[in-house]
């Protein structure tokens, strides 16, 4: 059985690494309570897996060959989320 967990993210020049059991695909990127978050599929009871996410602003370099997850508008800024290798 799978579940969806949320993880806090922030814009960064470097990818952010997450670990969780059976961590898989990022499903949604959005704001909740003024905090950028990404919701990802996990599988409880499975071995821990690492996944990398990067959040960049409009006009900044984006990671090549990473999957686009989504974008959010936060006041005057728009952030774009990418996941490695999915």
N, C-alpha and C. Protein backbone atom coordinates (compact mmCIF):
# COMPACT_ATOMS: atom_id res chain seq x y z
N UNK A 1 0.85 -1.17 0.00
CA UNK A 1 0.00 0.00 0.00
C UNK A 1 0.90 1.23 0.00
N UNK A 2 0.51 2.25 -0.72
CA UNK A 2 1.28 3.49 -0.81
C UNK A 2 0.59 4.60 -0.02
N UNK A 3 1.36 5.63 0.28
CA UNK A 3 0.84 6.83 0.94
C UNK A 3 1.43 8.05 0.25
N UNK A 4 0.87 9.21 0.55
CA UNK A 4 1.43 10.47 0.08
C UNK A 4 1.91 11.24 1.30
N UNK A 5 3.17 11.65 1.27
CA UNK A 5 3.75 12.47 2.34
C UNK A 5 4.13 13.81 1.75
N UNK A 6 4.15 14.83 2.61
CA UNK A 6 4.59 16.15 2.15
C UNK A 6 5.93 16.50 2.78
N UNK A 7 6.70 17.27 2.02
CA UNK A 7 8.03 17.68 2.44
C UNK A 7 8.17 19.18 2.18
N UNK A 8 8.74 19.91 3.14
CA UNK A 8 9.02 21.33 2.95
C UNK A 8 10.19 21.49 1.99
N UNK A 9 10.08 22.47 1.09
CA UNK A 9 11.16 22.77 0.15
C UNK A 9 11.36 24.28 0.13
N UNK A 10 12.50 24.69 -0.39
CA UNK A 10 12.78 26.12 -0.57
C UNK A 10 13.67 26.28 -1.78
N UNK A 11 13.65 27.46 -2.39
CA UNK A 11 14.53 27.70 -3.54
C UNK A 11 15.98 27.52 -3.13
N UNK A 12 16.76 26.95 -4.02
CA UNK A 12 18.15 26.67 -3.70
C UNK A 12 18.96 26.51 -4.98
N UNK A 13 20.24 26.87 -4.88
CA UNK A 13 21.14 26.64 -6.01
C UNK A 13 21.54 25.17 -6.08
N UNK A 14 21.35 24.45 -5.00
CA UNK A 14 21.70 23.03 -4.94
C UNK A 14 20.44 22.19 -4.72
N UNK A 15 20.41 20.97 -5.23
CA UNK A 15 19.26 20.09 -5.00
C UNK A 15 19.09 19.77 -3.51
N UNK A 16 17.88 19.49 -3.13
CA UNK A 16 17.54 19.07 -1.78
C UNK A 16 17.31 17.56 -1.83
N UNK A 17 17.89 16.82 -0.90
CA UNK A 17 17.75 15.36 -0.87
C UNK A 17 16.76 14.96 0.22
N UNK A 18 15.84 14.09 -0.12
CA UNK A 18 14.86 13.55 0.83
C UNK A 18 15.05 12.04 0.92
N UNK A 19 14.77 11.48 2.10
CA UNK A 19 14.79 10.04 2.30
C UNK A 19 13.47 9.63 2.93
N UNK A 20 12.90 8.55 2.42
CA UNK A 20 11.67 8.00 2.99
C UNK A 20 11.51 6.58 2.47
N UNK A 21 10.71 5.76 3.14
CA UNK A 21 10.52 4.38 2.69
C UNK A 21 9.84 4.33 1.33
N UNK A 22 10.51 3.67 0.38
CA UNK A 22 9.95 3.52 -0.96
C UNK A 22 9.64 4.83 -1.64
N UNK A 23 10.39 5.88 -1.32
CA UNK A 23 10.13 7.21 -1.86
C UNK A 23 10.16 7.18 -3.38
N UNK A 24 9.12 7.73 -3.97
CA UNK A 24 9.01 7.68 -5.43
C UNK A 24 8.80 9.05 -6.04
N UNK A 25 7.81 9.12 -6.85
CA UNK A 25 7.55 10.28 -7.69
C UNK A 25 6.95 11.45 -6.92
N UNK A 26 7.46 12.65 -7.20
CA UNK A 26 6.83 13.87 -6.70
C UNK A 26 5.54 14.06 -7.48
N UNK A 27 4.43 14.24 -6.76
CA UNK A 27 3.13 14.32 -7.40
C UNK A 27 2.60 15.74 -7.55
N UNK A 28 2.98 16.62 -6.62
CA UNK A 28 2.42 17.98 -6.61
C UNK A 28 3.37 18.91 -5.90
N UNK A 29 3.44 20.15 -6.39
CA UNK A 29 4.24 21.20 -5.77
C UNK A 29 3.31 22.37 -5.53
N UNK A 30 3.26 22.86 -4.29
CA UNK A 30 2.35 23.97 -4.00
C UNK A 30 2.72 24.69 -2.72
N UNK A 31 1.91 25.70 -2.39
CA UNK A 31 2.06 26.45 -1.14
C UNK A 31 1.00 25.99 -0.17
N UNK A 32 1.39 25.80 1.08
CA UNK A 32 0.47 25.51 2.17
C UNK A 32 0.92 26.33 3.36
N UNK A 33 0.04 27.18 3.87
CA UNK A 33 0.38 28.06 4.98
C UNK A 33 1.63 28.90 4.66
N UNK A 34 1.72 29.40 3.45
CA UNK A 34 2.82 30.26 2.97
C UNK A 34 4.16 29.53 2.92
N UNK A 35 4.16 28.22 2.94
CA UNK A 35 5.37 27.40 2.87
C UNK A 35 5.32 26.55 1.60
N UNK A 36 6.41 26.58 0.81
CA UNK A 36 6.49 25.72 -0.37
C UNK A 36 6.66 24.27 0.09
N UNK A 37 5.88 23.40 -0.52
CA UNK A 37 5.93 21.98 -0.16
C UNK A 37 5.80 21.13 -1.43
N UNK A 38 6.32 19.91 -1.34
CA UNK A 38 6.15 18.94 -2.42
C UNK A 38 5.54 17.68 -1.80
N UNK A 39 4.55 17.14 -2.49
CA UNK A 39 3.89 15.92 -2.03
C UNK A 39 4.41 14.77 -2.87
N UNK A 40 4.89 13.71 -2.18
CA UNK A 40 5.55 12.60 -2.87
C UNK A 40 4.95 11.27 -2.43
N UNK A 41 4.95 10.33 -3.35
CA UNK A 41 4.44 8.98 -3.08
C UNK A 41 5.50 8.18 -2.34
N UNK A 42 5.09 7.52 -1.26
CA UNK A 42 6.00 6.65 -0.52
C UNK A 42 5.32 5.29 -0.32
N UNK A 43 6.11 4.30 0.10
CA UNK A 43 5.60 2.96 0.37
C UNK A 43 6.09 2.51 1.74
N UNK A 44 5.26 2.66 2.78
CA UNK A 44 5.66 2.24 4.13
C UNK A 44 6.10 0.77 4.13
N UNK A 45 7.13 0.49 4.93
CA UNK A 45 7.64 -0.87 5.04
C UNK A 45 8.69 -1.22 4.00
N UNK A 46 8.88 -0.37 3.02
CA UNK A 46 9.92 -0.61 2.01
C UNK A 46 11.22 0.04 2.48
N UNK A 47 12.36 -0.35 1.89
CA UNK A 47 13.63 0.28 2.25
C UNK A 47 13.60 1.78 1.94
N UNK A 48 14.40 2.54 2.70
CA UNK A 48 14.50 3.98 2.45
C UNK A 48 15.15 4.22 1.10
N UNK A 49 14.64 5.23 0.41
CA UNK A 49 15.15 5.63 -0.90
C UNK A 49 15.43 7.13 -0.85
N UNK A 50 16.47 7.55 -1.53
CA UNK A 50 16.78 8.98 -1.64
C UNK A 50 16.28 9.50 -2.98
N UNK A 51 15.70 10.70 -2.94
CA UNK A 51 15.29 11.40 -4.16
C UNK A 51 15.73 12.85 -4.03
N UNK A 52 16.04 13.47 -5.18
CA UNK A 52 16.48 14.86 -5.17
C UNK A 52 15.47 15.74 -5.89
N UNK A 53 15.22 16.90 -5.26
CA UNK A 53 14.30 17.92 -5.76
C UNK A 53 15.09 19.22 -5.84
N UNK A 54 14.77 20.05 -6.83
CA UNK A 54 15.34 21.39 -6.86
C UNK A 54 14.24 22.38 -7.21
N UNK A 55 14.23 23.49 -6.46
CA UNK A 55 13.27 24.57 -6.67
C UNK A 55 14.05 25.80 -7.13
N UNK A 56 13.67 26.34 -8.28
CA UNK A 56 14.37 27.49 -8.84
C UNK A 56 13.37 28.58 -9.20
N UNK A 57 13.86 29.81 -9.23
CA UNK A 57 13.03 30.93 -9.62
C UNK A 57 13.02 31.13 -11.13
N UNK A 58 12.04 31.86 -11.60
CA UNK A 58 11.96 32.21 -13.01
C UNK A 58 13.24 32.93 -13.42
N UNK A 59 13.80 32.54 -14.56
CA UNK A 59 15.01 33.16 -15.08
C UNK A 59 16.29 32.53 -14.59
N UNK A 60 16.19 31.54 -13.68
CA UNK A 60 17.38 30.85 -13.18
C UNK A 60 17.59 29.56 -13.97
N UNK A 61 18.82 29.05 -13.92
CA UNK A 61 19.12 27.80 -14.61
C UNK A 61 18.30 26.66 -14.01
N UNK A 62 17.85 25.75 -14.87
CA UNK A 62 17.10 24.59 -14.40
C UNK A 62 17.93 23.33 -14.64
N UNK A 63 17.73 22.31 -13.81
CA UNK A 63 18.50 21.08 -13.98
C UNK A 63 18.13 20.39 -15.29
N UNK A 64 19.15 19.97 -16.03
CA UNK A 64 18.90 19.27 -17.29
C UNK A 64 18.44 17.85 -17.03
N UNK A 65 17.50 17.41 -17.85
CA UNK A 65 16.98 16.04 -17.81
C UNK A 65 16.26 15.69 -16.51
N UNK A 66 15.80 16.69 -15.78
CA UNK A 66 14.99 16.44 -14.59
C UNK A 66 13.53 16.64 -14.98
N UNK A 67 12.63 15.97 -14.27
CA UNK A 67 11.20 16.05 -14.56
C UNK A 67 10.59 17.27 -13.89
N UNK A 68 9.83 18.02 -14.65
CA UNK A 68 9.11 19.17 -14.12
C UNK A 68 7.95 18.68 -13.26
N UNK A 69 7.85 19.21 -12.03
CA UNK A 69 6.77 18.82 -11.10
C UNK A 69 5.66 19.86 -11.10
N UNK A 70 6.03 21.16 -11.05
CA UNK A 70 5.02 22.20 -11.05
C UNK A 70 5.61 23.54 -10.68
N UNK A 71 4.75 24.57 -10.70
CA UNK A 71 5.16 25.93 -10.37
C UNK A 71 4.13 26.54 -9.42
N UNK A 72 4.60 27.48 -8.59
CA UNK A 72 3.70 28.22 -7.71
C UNK A 72 4.08 29.69 -7.74
N UNK A 73 3.07 30.52 -7.54
CA UNK A 73 3.30 31.95 -7.43
C UNK A 73 3.25 32.31 -5.96
N UNK A 74 4.28 33.02 -5.49
CA UNK A 74 4.40 33.43 -4.09
C UNK A 74 4.68 34.92 -4.08
N UNK A 75 3.61 35.73 -3.99
CA UNK A 75 3.78 37.17 -4.08
C UNK A 75 4.34 37.53 -5.45
N UNK A 76 5.46 38.27 -5.50
CA UNK A 76 6.02 38.66 -6.80
C UNK A 76 6.88 37.58 -7.45
N UNK A 77 7.05 36.44 -6.78
CA UNK A 77 7.95 35.39 -7.27
C UNK A 77 7.16 34.20 -7.81
N UNK A 78 7.76 33.51 -8.78
CA UNK A 78 7.22 32.23 -9.25
C UNK A 78 8.34 31.21 -9.12
N UNK A 79 8.06 30.12 -8.41
CA UNK A 79 9.04 29.05 -8.16
C UNK A 79 8.66 27.83 -8.99
N UNK A 80 9.67 27.11 -9.47
CA UNK A 80 9.48 25.96 -10.34
C UNK A 80 10.21 24.77 -9.72
N UNK A 81 9.52 23.65 -9.62
CA UNK A 81 10.06 22.46 -8.94
C UNK A 81 10.38 21.38 -9.97
N UNK A 82 11.55 20.75 -9.80
CA UNK A 82 12.01 19.67 -10.66
C UNK A 82 12.47 18.48 -9.80
N UNK A 83 12.27 17.26 -10.32
CA UNK A 83 12.73 16.04 -9.64
C UNK A 83 13.71 15.31 -10.54
N UNK A 84 14.78 14.84 -9.94
CA UNK A 84 15.82 14.12 -10.67
C UNK A 84 15.34 12.71 -11.03
N UNK A 85 15.59 12.32 -12.26
CA UNK A 85 15.48 10.94 -12.69
C UNK A 85 14.13 10.27 -12.58
N UNK A 86 13.07 10.97 -12.66
CA UNK A 86 11.75 10.32 -12.57
C UNK A 86 10.96 10.65 -13.82
